[in-house]
Amino acid sequence: MINPAPSQAEAELLSLSDGDLIARIVKAEESALSVLYDRYQRLVYSLAFQSIGEKNLAEEITQDVFIRIWEKASSYRPEQGKVITWIVSITRNRAIDEYRRRRVRPENSAIDWEGLAPGEQSDNANLEAEVETALLRQRIHSLAQERVAAAE
C-alpha cells in the first residue's frame, strides 16, 4: 500500500527543527510529539535495550521517555544542549532508575513467605525480625554469588 502524500500541515511539522517541535509540545500539540516520537523512538529504544537488555523493559522505558517529554517539555533549555542530548539524558536516567530498582530487589529473589510462618509465640516484632533476617541472608547470598562471578 502506498502512503498518501502528507498534507501541507503535516509537511510543515515534519520540516520543523527539534527545538520548534518542543516549543509546540509545550503548547500541548500532540502532533508535534508524534513527529518527535517518529524521529527518535528507535534511538530511545536502542539505548534502553542496550542498557537493560530486555525487550519489554526497553519498550516501557521508551514509552516513559516520551511521556516525560510531553510532561516536562517546558523544562528543556536550548542553551544547555540539543534536544537529542536532552532526550538521550532522559533515556539514560530512566534506564539507570530501572537498573537500580532491579538491583535492589531483583524479581527472581522473592522471599519464601511459607518459610517465614510465625511460630505459635511470634508477635509482629518477631515476624518483622524474621523477615529482616531472611532479607539479610538473601542479600549476603547474592553478594557471595556476585563475588564468585567477579573472581571468575
Protein backbone atom coordinates (compact mmCIF):
# COMPACT_ATOMS: atom_id res chain seq x y z
CA MET A 1 0.00 0.00 0.00
CA ILE A 2 1.32 3.40 -0.95
CA ASN A 3 1.32 6.06 1.74
CA PRO A 4 -0.53 9.18 0.69
CA ALA A 5 1.46 12.38 0.45
CA PRO A 6 1.44 14.34 3.71
CA SER A 7 -0.86 17.31 3.94
CA GLN A 8 0.62 20.79 3.99
CA ALA A 9 0.25 20.91 7.81
CA GLU A 10 1.94 17.52 8.19
CA ALA A 11 4.72 18.54 5.82
CA GLU A 12 5.25 21.69 7.87
CA LEU A 13 5.52 19.69 11.10
CA LEU A 14 7.95 17.25 9.51
CA SER A 15 10.19 20.12 8.44
CA LEU A 16 10.33 21.73 11.91
CA SER A 17 13.51 21.60 13.96
CA ASP A 18 13.56 19.59 17.17
CA GLY A 19 13.52 22.83 19.17
CA ASP A 20 10.43 24.04 17.32
CA LEU A 21 8.72 20.71 17.99
CA ILE A 22 9.50 21.04 21.71
CA ALA A 23 8.00 24.55 21.68
CA ARG A 24 4.83 23.10 20.16
CA ILE A 25 4.78 20.26 22.68
CA VAL A 26 4.89 22.88 25.44
CA LYS A 27 1.68 24.23 23.85
CA ALA A 28 0.21 20.70 24.07
CA GLU A 29 0.30 19.96 20.34
CA GLU A 30 0.10 16.17 20.21
CA SER A 31 1.08 16.11 16.54
CA ALA A 32 4.45 17.66 17.44
CA LEU A 33 5.10 14.87 19.95
CA SER A 34 4.13 12.35 17.28
CA VAL A 35 6.74 13.76 14.90
CA LEU A 36 9.40 13.80 17.63
CA TYR A 37 8.47 10.21 18.51
CA ASP A 38 8.81 9.13 14.88
CA ARG A 39 12.24 10.76 14.71
CA TYR A 40 13.71 9.33 17.89
CA GLN A 41 11.79 6.29 19.12
CA ARG A 42 14.25 3.85 17.51
CA LEU A 43 17.19 5.59 19.13
CA VAL A 44 15.50 5.72 22.55
CA TYR A 45 14.51 2.06 22.31
CA SER A 46 18.04 1.05 21.25
CA LEU A 47 19.65 2.92 24.14
CA ALA A 48 17.18 1.44 26.61
CA PHE A 49 17.65 -2.07 25.25
CA GLN A 50 21.46 -1.77 25.37
CA SER A 51 21.23 -0.58 28.98
CA ILE A 52 18.68 -3.09 30.28
CA GLY A 53 18.86 -6.00 27.83
CA GLU A 54 15.16 -6.84 27.95
CA LYS A 55 12.74 -6.09 25.13
CA ASN A 56 9.69 -5.42 27.30
CA LEU A 57 11.56 -3.11 29.67
CA ALA A 58 13.13 -1.25 26.75
CA GLU A 59 9.65 -0.69 25.31
CA GLU A 60 8.39 0.50 28.69
CA ILE A 61 11.33 2.88 29.08
CA THR A 62 10.73 4.22 25.56
CA GLN A 63 7.11 4.93 26.40
CA ASP A 64 8.09 6.56 29.70
CA VAL A 65 10.66 8.78 27.99
CA PHE A 66 8.09 10.22 25.59
CA ILE A 67 5.58 10.67 28.40
CA ARG A 68 8.24 12.62 30.29
CA ILE A 69 8.98 14.69 27.21
CA TRP A 70 5.27 15.52 26.98
CA GLU A 71 5.05 16.40 30.67
CA LYS A 72 8.41 18.17 31.03
CA ALA A 73 8.88 19.86 27.64
CA SER A 74 8.86 23.24 29.34
CA SER A 75 12.00 22.25 31.27
CA TYR A 76 14.06 21.91 28.08
CA ARG A 77 16.70 24.65 27.87
CA PRO A 78 18.28 25.07 24.41
CA GLU A 79 21.29 26.85 25.89
CA GLN A 80 22.16 23.64 27.79
CA GLY A 81 22.24 21.39 24.72
CA LYS A 82 20.44 20.00 21.73
CA VAL A 83 17.04 18.33 22.01
CA ILE A 84 18.58 14.97 21.14
CA THR A 85 21.04 15.35 24.01
CA TRP A 86 18.12 16.09 26.36
CA ILE A 87 16.21 13.03 25.08
CA VAL A 88 19.25 10.78 25.48
CA SER A 89 19.73 12.11 29.01
CA ILE A 90 16.10 11.33 29.90
CA THR A 91 16.53 7.85 28.43
CA ARG A 92 19.77 7.24 30.28
CA ASN A 93 18.32 8.39 33.60
CA ARG A 94 15.21 6.24 33.17
CA ALA A 95 17.34 3.19 32.32
CA ILE A 96 19.56 3.82 35.36
CA ASP A 97 16.47 4.09 37.56
CA GLU A 98 15.22 0.77 36.22
CA TYR A 99 18.62 -0.85 36.66
CA ARG A 100 18.85 0.33 40.27
CA ARG A 101 15.32 -0.83 41.00
CA ARG A 102 16.11 -4.27 39.69
CA ARG A 103 19.46 -4.49 41.53
CA VAL A 104 17.92 -3.57 44.86
CA ARG A 105 15.13 -6.10 44.53
CA PRO A 106 15.59 -8.42 41.56
CA GLU A 107 12.37 -10.17 40.58
CA ASN A 108 13.87 -13.63 40.92
CA SER A 109 14.86 -13.09 44.54
CA ALA A 110 11.45 -13.21 46.18
CA ILE A 111 11.24 -14.26 49.80
CA ASP A 112 9.75 -17.65 50.58
CA TRP A 113 6.87 -16.47 52.77
CA GLU A 114 6.00 -20.04 53.79
CA GLY A 115 9.42 -20.33 55.38
CA LEU A 116 8.65 -17.24 57.43
CA ALA A 117 5.48 -18.53 59.02
CA PRO A 118 5.46 -17.25 62.59
CA GLY A 119 5.65 -19.73 65.41
CA GLU A 120 2.91 -20.02 68.00
CA GLN A 121 4.54 -17.41 70.21
CA SER A 122 5.59 -14.96 67.48
CA ASP A 123 4.29 -11.44 67.59
CA ASN A 124 4.62 -8.69 64.97
CA ALA A 125 8.07 -7.66 66.20
CA ASN A 126 9.35 -11.22 65.87
CA LEU A 127 7.79 -11.56 62.43
CA GLU A 128 9.48 -8.34 61.30
CA ALA A 129 12.80 -9.63 62.67
CA GLU A 130 12.32 -12.90 60.79
CA VAL A 131 11.62 -11.02 57.56
CA GLU A 132 14.65 -8.78 58.06
CA THR A 133 16.83 -11.81 58.76
CA ALA A 134 15.58 -13.56 55.63
CA LEU A 135 16.25 -10.45 53.54
CA LEU A 136 19.73 -10.11 55.01
CA ARG A 137 20.53 -13.76 54.34
CA GLN A 138 19.27 -13.39 50.80
CA ARG A 139 21.41 -10.29 50.23
CA ILE A 140 24.52 -11.96 51.68
CA HIS A 141 23.93 -14.95 49.40
CA SER A 142 23.54 -12.62 46.42
CA LEU A 143 26.74 -10.74 47.28
CA ALA A 144 28.63 -14.02 47.63
CA GLN A 145 27.45 -15.09 44.18
CA GLU A 146 28.48 -11.73 42.72
CA ARG A 147 31.95 -12.08 44.30
CA VAL A 148 32.40 -15.59 42.87
CA ALA A 149 31.25 -14.41 39.44
CA ALA A 150 33.65 -11.45 39.59
CA ALA A 151 36.54 -13.71 40.54
CA GLU A 152 35.94 -16.00 37.56
